[in-house]
Amino acid sequence: MGRDEKTSKHATIAMVAEKAGVSTTTVSRYLNGKYEYMSLKTRKKIKHVIEELNYRPSNIARGLKSKKTNLIGVVVADIEIRFLP
């Protein structure tokens, strides 16, 4: 039993681009608000496909690209030891 675009777990930029008939670069520019060389028709088409596929940007992918995750790690040596006041 295969999955189609509407039942898959997460929509990707590639899926949005394919369904909208544009490149992944164009979708990326749309998501980053860089509309300088994009027609209103293309913007509306991408917006419609994003809503249809319920696309949400991946914070993990964005962190890999920007090399910033905005996460803080905590190391705890032993959680069994109770500290008394």
PDB file of N, CA and C in Angstrom:
ATOM      1  N   MET A   1       0.831  -1.181   0.000  1.00  0.00           N
ATOM      2  CA  MET A   1       0.000   0.000   0.000  1.00  0.00           C
ATOM      3  C   MET A   1       0.875   1.242   0.000  1.00  0.00           C
ATOM      4  N   GLY A   2       0.856   2.026  -1.065  1.00  0.00           N
ATOM      5  CA  GLY A   2       1.711   3.205  -1.178  1.00  0.00           C
ATOM      6  C   GLY A   2       1.065   4.448  -0.618  1.00  0.00           C
ATOM      7  N   ARG A   3       1.872   5.407  -0.354  1.00  0.00           N
ATOM      8  CA  ARG A   3       1.376   6.681   0.152  1.00  0.00           C
ATOM      9  C   ARG A   3       1.361   7.697  -0.972  1.00  0.00           C
ATOM     10  N   ASP A   4       0.355   8.533  -1.001  1.00  0.00           N
ATOM     11  CA  ASP A   4       0.374   9.634  -1.954  1.00  0.00           C
ATOM     12  C   ASP A   4       0.758  10.902  -1.216  1.00  0.00           C
ATOM     13  N   GLU A   5       0.795  12.028  -1.923  1.00  0.00           N
ATOM     14  CA  GLU A   5       1.272  13.280  -1.334  1.00  0.00           C
ATOM     15  C   GLU A   5       0.422  13.734  -0.156  1.00  0.00           C
ATOM     16  N   LYS A   6      -0.884  13.482  -0.186  1.00  0.00           N
ATOM     17  CA  LYS A   6      -1.758  13.959   0.882  1.00  0.00           C
ATOM     18  C   LYS A   6      -1.667  13.103   2.138  1.00  0.00           C
ATOM     19  N   THR A   7      -1.269  11.845   2.011  1.00  0.00           N
ATOM     20  CA  THR A   7      -1.202  10.987   3.184  1.00  0.00           C
ATOM     21  C   THR A   7       0.217  10.799   3.709  1.00  0.00           C
ATOM     22  N   SER A   8       1.212  11.340   3.019  1.00  0.00           N
ATOM     23  CA  SER A   8       2.581  11.193   3.505  1.00  0.00           C
ATOM     24  C   SER A   8       2.768  12.001   4.777  1.00  0.00           C
ATOM     25  N   LYS A   9       3.759  11.623   5.549  1.00  0.00           N
ATOM     26  CA  LYS A   9       3.978  12.231   6.849  1.00  0.00           C
ATOM     27  C   LYS A   9       4.327  13.720   6.748  1.00  0.00           C
ATOM     28  N   HIS A  10       5.286  14.050   5.915  1.00  0.00           N
ATOM     29  CA  HIS A  10       5.728  15.439   5.781  1.00  0.00           C
ATOM     30  C   HIS A  10       5.890  15.797   4.305  1.00  0.00           C
ATOM     31  N   ALA A  11       5.345  16.934   3.940  1.00  0.00           N
ATOM     32  CA  ALA A  11       5.556  17.440   2.581  1.00  0.00           C
ATOM     33  C   ALA A  11       6.943  18.083   2.527  1.00  0.00           C
ATOM     34  N   THR A  12       7.591  18.008   1.373  1.00  0.00           N
ATOM     35  CA  THR A  12       8.921  18.594   1.208  1.00  0.00           C
ATOM     36  C   THR A  12       8.864  19.720   0.184  1.00  0.00           C
ATOM     37  N   ILE A  13       9.929  20.507   0.138  1.00  0.00           N
ATOM     38  CA  ILE A  13      10.022  21.574  -0.862  1.00  0.00           C
ATOM     39  C   ILE A  13       9.947  20.974  -2.256  1.00  0.00           C
ATOM     40  N   ALA A  14      10.567  19.823  -2.451  1.00  0.00           N
ATOM     41  CA  ALA A  14      10.547  19.167  -3.758  1.00  0.00           C
ATOM     42  C   ALA A  14       9.123  18.793  -4.167  1.00  0.00           C
ATOM     43  N   MET A  15       8.330  18.309  -3.221  1.00  0.00           N
ATOM     44  CA  MET A  15       6.935  17.964  -3.506  1.00  0.00           C
ATOM     45  C   MET A  15       6.129  19.203  -3.875  1.00  0.00           C
ATOM     46  N   VAL A  16       6.344  20.297  -3.131  1.00  0.00           N
ATOM     47  CA  VAL A  16       5.647  21.554  -3.416  1.00  0.00           C
ATOM     48  C   VAL A  16       6.034  22.051  -4.806  1.00  0.00           C
ATOM     49  N   ALA A  17       7.330  22.024  -5.105  1.00  0.00           N
ATOM     50  CA  ALA A  17       7.819  22.508  -6.394  1.00  0.00           C
ATOM     51  C   ALA A  17       7.235  21.694  -7.544  1.00  0.00           C
ATOM     52  N   GLU A  18       7.233  20.381  -7.403  1.00  0.00           N
ATOM     53  CA  GLU A  18       6.718  19.519  -8.468  1.00  0.00           C
ATOM     54  C   GLU A  18       5.231  19.784  -8.717  1.00  0.00           C
ATOM     55  N   LYS A  19       4.459  19.866  -7.657  1.00  0.00           N
ATOM     56  CA  LYS A  19       3.014  20.071  -7.797  1.00  0.00           C
ATOM     57  C   LYS A  19       2.702  21.464  -8.341  1.00  0.00           C
ATOM     58  N   ALA A  20       3.518  22.472  -7.986  1.00  0.00           N
ATOM     59  CA  ALA A  20       3.291  23.842  -8.463  1.00  0.00           C
ATOM     60  C   ALA A  20       3.879  24.070  -9.849  1.00  0.00           C
ATOM     61  N   GLY A  21       4.730  23.159 -10.302  1.00  0.00           N
ATOM     62  CA  GLY A  21       5.342  23.297 -11.618  1.00  0.00           C
ATOM     63  C   GLY A  21       6.455  24.330 -11.663  1.00  0.00           C
ATOM     64  N   VAL A  22       7.169  24.466 -10.542  1.00  0.00           N
ATOM     65  CA  VAL A  22       8.284  25.409 -10.457  1.00  0.00           C
ATOM     66  C   VAL A  22       9.497  24.671  -9.887  1.00  0.00           C
ATOM     67  N   SER A  23      10.624  25.355  -9.814  1.00  0.00           N
ATOM     68  CA  SER A  23      11.833  24.735  -9.261  1.00  0.00           C
ATOM     69  C   SER A  23      11.835  24.828  -7.735  1.00  0.00           C
ATOM     70  N   THR A  24      12.666  23.994  -7.121  1.00  0.00           N
ATOM     71  CA  THR A  24      12.799  24.053  -5.663  1.00  0.00           C
ATOM     72  C   THR A  24      13.400  25.393  -5.233  1.00  0.00           C
ATOM     73  N   THR A  25      14.230  25.974  -6.081  1.00  0.00           N
ATOM     74  CA  THR A  25      14.808  27.292  -5.791  1.00  0.00           C
ATOM     75  C   THR A  25      13.715  28.349  -5.703  1.00  0.00           C
ATOM     76  N   THR A  26      12.746  28.273  -6.607  1.00  0.00           N
ATOM     77  CA  THR A  26      11.641  29.233  -6.597  1.00  0.00           C
ATOM     78  C   THR A  26      10.818  29.087  -5.327  1.00  0.00           C
ATOM     79  N   VAL A  27      10.554  27.857  -4.901  1.00  0.00           N
ATOM     80  CA  VAL A  27       9.800  27.627  -3.659  1.00  0.00           C
ATOM     81  C   VAL A  27      10.598  28.161  -2.473  1.00  0.00           C
ATOM     82  N   SER A  28      11.897  27.914  -2.466  1.00  0.00           N
ATOM     83  CA  SER A  28      12.746  28.414  -1.386  1.00  0.00           C
ATOM     84  C   SER A  28      12.718  29.937  -1.326  1.00  0.00           C
ATOM     85  N   ARG A  29      12.799  30.578  -2.469  1.00  0.00           N
ATOM     86  CA  ARG A  29      12.727  32.047  -2.508  1.00  0.00           C
ATOM     87  C   ARG A  29      11.385  32.535  -1.975  1.00  0.00           C
ATOM     88  N   TYR A  30      10.314  31.847  -2.348  1.00  0.00           N
ATOM     89  CA  TYR A  30       8.978  32.212  -1.854  1.00  0.00           C
ATOM     90  C   TYR A  30       8.937  32.122  -0.327  1.00  0.00           C
ATOM     91  N   LEU A  31       9.437  31.008   0.212  1.00  0.00           N
ATOM     92  CA  LEU A  31       9.416  30.799   1.664  1.00  0.00           C
ATOM     93  C   LEU A  31      10.256  31.833   2.413  1.00  0.00           C
ATOM     94  N   ASN A  32      11.304  32.337   1.765  1.00  0.00           N
ATOM     95  CA  ASN A  32      12.173  33.338   2.391  1.00  0.00           C
ATOM     96  C   ASN A  32      11.757  34.768   2.069  1.00  0.00           C
ATOM     97  N   GLY A  33      10.625  34.934   1.379  1.00  0.00           N
ATOM     98  CA  GLY A  33      10.102  36.272   1.099  1.00  0.00           C
ATOM     99  C   GLY A  33      10.849  37.037   0.031  1.00  0.00           C
ATOM    100  N   LYS A  34      11.539  36.345  -0.849  1.00  0.00           N
ATOM    101  CA  LYS A  34      12.296  37.006  -1.921  1.00  0.00           C
ATOM    102  C   LYS A  34      11.497  36.915  -3.215  1.00  0.00           C
ATOM    103  N   TYR A  35      10.596  37.868  -3.400  1.00  0.00           N
ATOM    104  CA  TYR A  35       9.652  37.843  -4.524  1.00  0.00           C
ATOM    105  C   TYR A  35      10.079  38.702  -5.710  1.00  0.00           C
ATOM    106  N   GLU A  36      11.287  39.267  -5.714  1.00  0.00           N
ATOM    107  CA  GLU A  36      11.692  40.243  -6.725  1.00  0.00           C
ATOM    108  C   GLU A  36      11.453  39.781  -8.150  1.00  0.00           C
ATOM    109  N   TYR A  37      11.798  38.537  -8.469  1.00  0.00           N
ATOM    110  CA  TYR A  37      11.701  38.055  -9.849  1.00  0.00           C
ATOM    111  C   TYR A  37      10.604  37.005 -10.008  1.00  0.00           C
ATOM    112  N   MET A  38       9.563  37.106  -9.171  1.00  0.00           N
ATOM    113  CA  MET A  38       8.499  36.116  -9.172  1.00  0.00           C
ATOM    114  C   MET A  38       7.170  36.797  -9.464  1.00  0.00           C
ATOM    115  N   SER A  39       6.420  36.227 -10.386  1.00  0.00           N
ATOM    116  CA  SER A  39       5.131  36.822 -10.726  1.00  0.00           C
ATOM    117  C   SER A  39       4.111  36.555  -9.621  1.00  0.00           C
ATOM    118  N   LEU A  40       3.080  37.370  -9.597  1.00  0.00           N
ATOM    119  CA  LEU A  40       2.002  37.205  -8.624  1.00  0.00           C
ATOM    120  C   LEU A  40       1.307  35.860  -8.831  1.00  0.00           C
ATOM    121  N   LYS A  41       1.176  35.446 -10.086  1.00  0.00           N
ATOM    122  CA  LYS A  41       0.548  34.163 -10.416  1.00  0.00           C
ATOM    123  C   LYS A  41       1.339  33.006  -9.799  1.00  0.00           C
ATOM    124  N   THR A  42       2.666  33.057  -9.903  1.00  0.00           N
ATOM    125  CA  THR A  42       3.523  32.012  -9.341  1.00  0.00           C
ATOM    126  C   THR A  42       3.414  31.997  -7.826  1.00  0.00           C
ATOM    127  N   ARG A  43       3.405  33.166  -7.200  1.00  0.00           N
ATOM    128  CA  ARG A  43       3.276  33.245  -5.738  1.00  0.00           C
ATOM    129  C   ARG A  43       1.965  32.622  -5.265  1.00  0.00           C
ATOM    130  N   LYS A  44       0.885  32.932  -5.970  1.00  0.00           N
ATOM    131  CA  LYS A  44      -0.421  32.387  -5.595  1.00  0.00           C
ATOM    132  C   LYS A  44      -0.446  30.871  -5.765  1.00  0.00           C
ATOM    133  N   LYS A  45       0.172  30.380  -6.845  1.00  0.00           N
ATOM    134  CA  LYS A  45       0.209  28.938  -7.112  1.00  0.00           C
ATOM    135  C   LYS A  45       0.980  28.215  -6.005  1.00  0.00           C
ATOM    136  N   ILE A  46       2.132  28.759  -5.627  1.00  0.00           N
ATOM    137  CA  ILE A  46       2.947  28.146  -4.573  1.00  0.00           C
ATOM    138  C   ILE A  46       2.198  28.175  -3.244  1.00  0.00           C
ATOM    139  N   LYS A  47       1.581  29.302  -2.940  1.00  0.00           N
ATOM    140  CA  LYS A  47       0.823  29.431  -1.691  1.00  0.00           C
ATOM    141  C   LYS A  47      -0.295  28.395  -1.631  1.00  0.00           C
ATOM    142  N   HIS A  48      -1.005  28.219  -2.733  1.00  0.00           N
ATOM    143  CA  HIS A  48      -2.102  27.247  -2.785  1.00  0.00           C
ATOM    144  C   HIS A  48      -1.586  25.829  -2.552  1.00  0.00           C
ATOM    145  N   VAL A  49      -0.484  25.461  -3.200  1.00  0.00           N
ATOM    146  CA  VAL A  49       0.073  24.110  -3.049  1.00  0.00           C
ATOM    147  C   VAL A  49       0.578  23.888  -1.626  1.00  0.00           C
ATOM    148  N   ILE A  50       1.217  24.886  -1.026  1.00  0.00           N
ATOM    149  CA  ILE A  50       1.698  24.788   0.354  1.00  0.00           C
ATOM    150  C   ILE A  50       0.536  24.511   1.300  1.00  0.00           C
ATOM    151  N   GLU A  51      -0.565  25.215   1.109  1.00  0.00           N
ATOM    152  CA  GLU A  51      -1.748  25.002   1.947  1.00  0.00           C
ATOM    153  C   GLU A  51      -2.363  23.629   1.679  1.00  0.00           C
ATOM    154  N   GLU A  52      -2.411  23.230   0.415  1.00  0.00           N
ATOM    155  CA  GLU A  52      -3.003  21.947   0.036  1.00  0.00           C
ATOM    156  C   GLU A  52      -2.234  20.765   0.627  1.00  0.00           C
ATOM    157  N   LEU A  53      -0.910  20.843   0.566  1.00  0.00           N
ATOM    158  CA  LEU A  53      -0.070  19.763   1.085  1.00  0.00           C
ATOM    159  C   LEU A  53       0.218  19.902   2.578  1.00  0.00           C
ATOM    160  N   ASN A  54      -0.230  21.002   3.170  1.00  0.00           N
ATOM    161  CA  ASN A  54       0.034  21.300   4.576  1.00  0.00           C
ATOM    162  C   ASN A  54       1.540  21.284   4.857  1.00  0.00           C
ATOM    163  N   TYR A  55       2.296  21.945   3.985  1.00  0.00           N
ATOM    164  CA  TYR A  55       3.755  21.996   4.107  1.00  0.00           C
ATOM    165  C   TYR A  55       4.156  22.854   5.298  1.00  0.00           C
ATOM    166  N   ARG A  56       5.093  22.358   6.081  1.00  0.00           N
ATOM    167  CA  ARG A  56       5.693  23.098   7.186  1.00  0.00           C
ATOM    168  C   ARG A  56       7.203  22.960   7.065  1.00  0.00           C
ATOM    169  N   PRO A  57       7.943  24.081   7.094  1.00  0.00           N
ATOM    170  CA  PRO A  57       9.404  23.997   6.988  1.00  0.00           C
ATOM    171  C   PRO A  57      10.001  23.157   8.122  1.00  0.00           C
ATOM    172  N   SER A  58      11.027  22.403   7.820  1.00  0.00           N
ATOM    173  CA  SER A  58      11.697  21.570   8.805  1.00  0.00           C
ATOM    174  C   SER A  58      12.768  22.384   9.532  1.00  0.00           C
ATOM    175  N   ASN A  59      12.625  22.481  10.842  1.00  0.00           N
ATOM    176  CA  ASN A  59      13.628  23.199  11.632  1.00  0.00           C
ATOM    177  C   ASN A  59      14.966  22.463  11.626  1.00  0.00           C
ATOM    178  N   ILE A  60      14.923  21.150  11.531  1.00  0.00           N
ATOM    179  CA  ILE A  60      16.159  20.367  11.475  1.00  0.00           C
ATOM    180  C   ILE A  60      16.918  20.675  10.188  1.00  0.00           C
ATOM    181  N   ALA A  61      16.213  20.664   9.073  1.00  0.00           N
ATOM    182  CA  ALA A  61      16.853  20.967   7.787  1.00  0.00           C
ATOM    183  C   ALA A  61      17.382  22.397   7.757  1.00  0.00           C
ATOM    184  N   ARG A  62      16.600  23.316   8.300  1.00  0.00           N
ATOM    185  CA  ARG A  62      17.037  24.711   8.343  1.00  0.00           C
ATOM    186  C   ARG A  62      18.291  24.859   9.199  1.00  0.00           C
ATOM    187  N   GLY A  63      18.357  24.140  10.311  1.00  0.00           N
ATOM    188  CA  GLY A  63      19.526  24.180  11.187  1.00  0.00           C
ATOM    189  C   GLY A  63      20.758  23.600  10.523  1.00  0.00           C
ATOM    190  N   LEU A  64      20.578  22.519   9.747  1.00  0.00           N
ATOM    191  CA  LEU A  64      21.708  21.942   9.029  1.00  0.00           C
ATOM    192  C   LEU A  64      22.268  22.913   8.006  1.00  0.00           C
ATOM    193  N   LYS A  65      21.387  23.607   7.309  1.00  0.00           N
ATOM    194  CA  LYS A  65      21.824  24.543   6.275  1.00  0.00           C
ATOM    195  C   LYS A  65      22.516  25.764   6.883  1.00  0.00           C
ATOM    196  N   SER A  66      21.925  26.313   7.951  1.00  0.00           N
ATOM    197  CA  SER A  66      22.467  27.545   8.551  1.00  0.00           C
ATOM    198  C   SER A  66      23.559  27.274   9.582  1.00  0.00           C
ATOM    199  N   LYS A  67      23.737  26.006   9.959  1.00  0.00           N
ATOM    200  CA  LYS A  67      24.699  25.606  10.990  1.00  0.00           C
ATOM    201  C   LYS A  67      24.374  26.216  12.347  1.00  0.00           C
ATOM    202  N   LYS A  68      23.081  26.518  12.563  1.00  0.00           N
ATOM    203  CA  LYS A  68      22.605  27.039  13.841  1.00  0.00           C
ATOM    204  C   LYS A  68      21.296  26.338  14.175  1.00  0.00           C
ATOM    205  N   THR A  69      21.215  25.739  15.359  1.00  0.00           N
ATOM    206  CA  THR A  69      19.993  25.042  15.735  1.00  0.00           C
ATOM    207  C   THR A  69      19.193  25.778  16.803  1.00  0.00           C
ATOM    208  N   ASN A  70      19.817  26.710  17.500  1.00  0.00           N
ATOM    209  CA  ASN A  70      19.181  27.447  18.594  1.00  0.00           C
ATOM    210  C   ASN A  70      18.720  26.518  19.710  1.00  0.00           C
ATOM    211  N   LEU A  71      19.465  25.452  19.940  1.00  0.00           N
ATOM    212  CA  LEU A  71      19.193  24.517  21.017  1.00  0.00           C
ATOM    213  C   LEU A  71      20.308  24.586  22.051  1.00  0.00           C
ATOM    214  N   ILE A  72      19.956  24.284  23.285  1.00  0.00           N
ATOM    215  CA  ILE A  72      20.939  24.244  24.364  1.00  0.00           C
ATOM    216  C   ILE A  72      20.943  22.827  24.920  1.00  0.00           C
ATOM    217  N   GLY A  73      22.096  22.240  25.051  1.00  0.00           N
ATOM    218  CA  GLY A  73      22.218  20.889  25.599  1.00  0.00           C
ATOM    219  C   GLY A  73      22.578  20.951  27.067  1.00  0.00           C
ATOM    220  N   VAL A  74      22.063  19.996  27.828  1.00  0.00           N
ATOM    221  CA  VAL A  74      22.352  19.906  29.259  1.00  0.00           C
ATOM    222  C   VAL A  74      22.858  18.499  29.542  1.00  0.00           C
ATOM    223  N   VAL A  75      23.964  18.411  30.254  1.00  0.00           N
ATOM    224  CA  VAL A  75      24.527  17.118  30.628  1.00  0.00           C
ATOM    225  C   VAL A  75      24.342  16.946  32.125  1.00  0.00           C
ATOM    226  N   VAL A  76      23.705  15.851  32.507  1.00  0.00           N
ATOM    227  CA  VAL A  76      23.477  15.550  33.917  1.00  0.00           C
ATOM    228  C   VAL A  76      24.214  14.251  34.222  1.00  0.00           C
ATOM    229  N   ALA A  77      25.103  14.303  35.207  1.00  0.00           N
ATOM    230  CA  ALA A  77      25.928  13.145  35.522  1.00  0.00           C
ATOM    231  C   ALA A  77      25.114  11.994  36.101  1.00  0.00           C
ATOM    232  N   ASP A  78      24.287  12.256  37.081  1.00  0.00           N
ATOM    233  CA  ASP A  78      23.533  11.183  37.721  1.00  0.00           C
ATOM    234  C   ASP A  78      22.251  11.764  38.295  1.00  0.00           C
ATOM    235  N   ILE A  79      21.124  11.280  37.832  1.00  0.00           N
ATOM    236  CA  ILE A  79      19.855  11.832  38.321  1.00  0.00           C
ATOM    237  C   ILE A  79      19.357  11.088  39.552  1.00  0.00           C
ATOM    238  N   GLU A  80      20.071  10.020  39.978  1.00  0.00           N
ATOM    239  CA  GLU A  80      19.678   9.242  41.148  1.00  0.00           C
ATOM    240  C   GLU A  80      20.082   9.922  42.451  1.00  0.00           C
ATOM    241  N   ILE A  81      21.136  10.740  42.435  1.00  0.00           N
ATOM    242  CA  ILE A  81      21.621  11.396  43.643  1.00  0.00           C
ATOM    243  C   ILE A  81      20.699  12.561  43.969  1.00  0.00           C
ATOM    244  N   ARG A  82      20.200  12.566  45.188  1.00  0.00           N
ATOM    245  CA  ARG A  82      19.307  13.642  45.628  1.00  0.00           C
ATOM    246  C   ARG A  82      20.121  14.636  46.461  1.00  0.00           C
ATOM    247  N   PHE A  83      19.980  15.900  46.137  1.00  0.00           N
ATOM    248  CA  PHE A  83      20.675  16.937  46.866  1.00  0.00           C
ATOM    249  C   PHE A  83      19.769  17.469  47.955  1.00  0.00           C
ATOM    250  N   LEU A  84      20.271  17.474  49.166  1.00  0.00           N
ATOM    251  CA  LEU A  84      19.489  17.984  50.294  1.00  0.00           C
ATOM    252  C   LEU A  84      19.930  19.392  50.633  1.00  0.00           C
ATOM    253  N   PRO A  85      18.979  20.240  50.984  1.00  0.00           N
ATOM    254  CA  PRO A  85      19.335  21.634  51.325  1.00  0.00           C
ATOM    255  C   PRO A  85      20.076  21.771  52.625  1.00  0.00           C
TER     256      PRO A  85
END
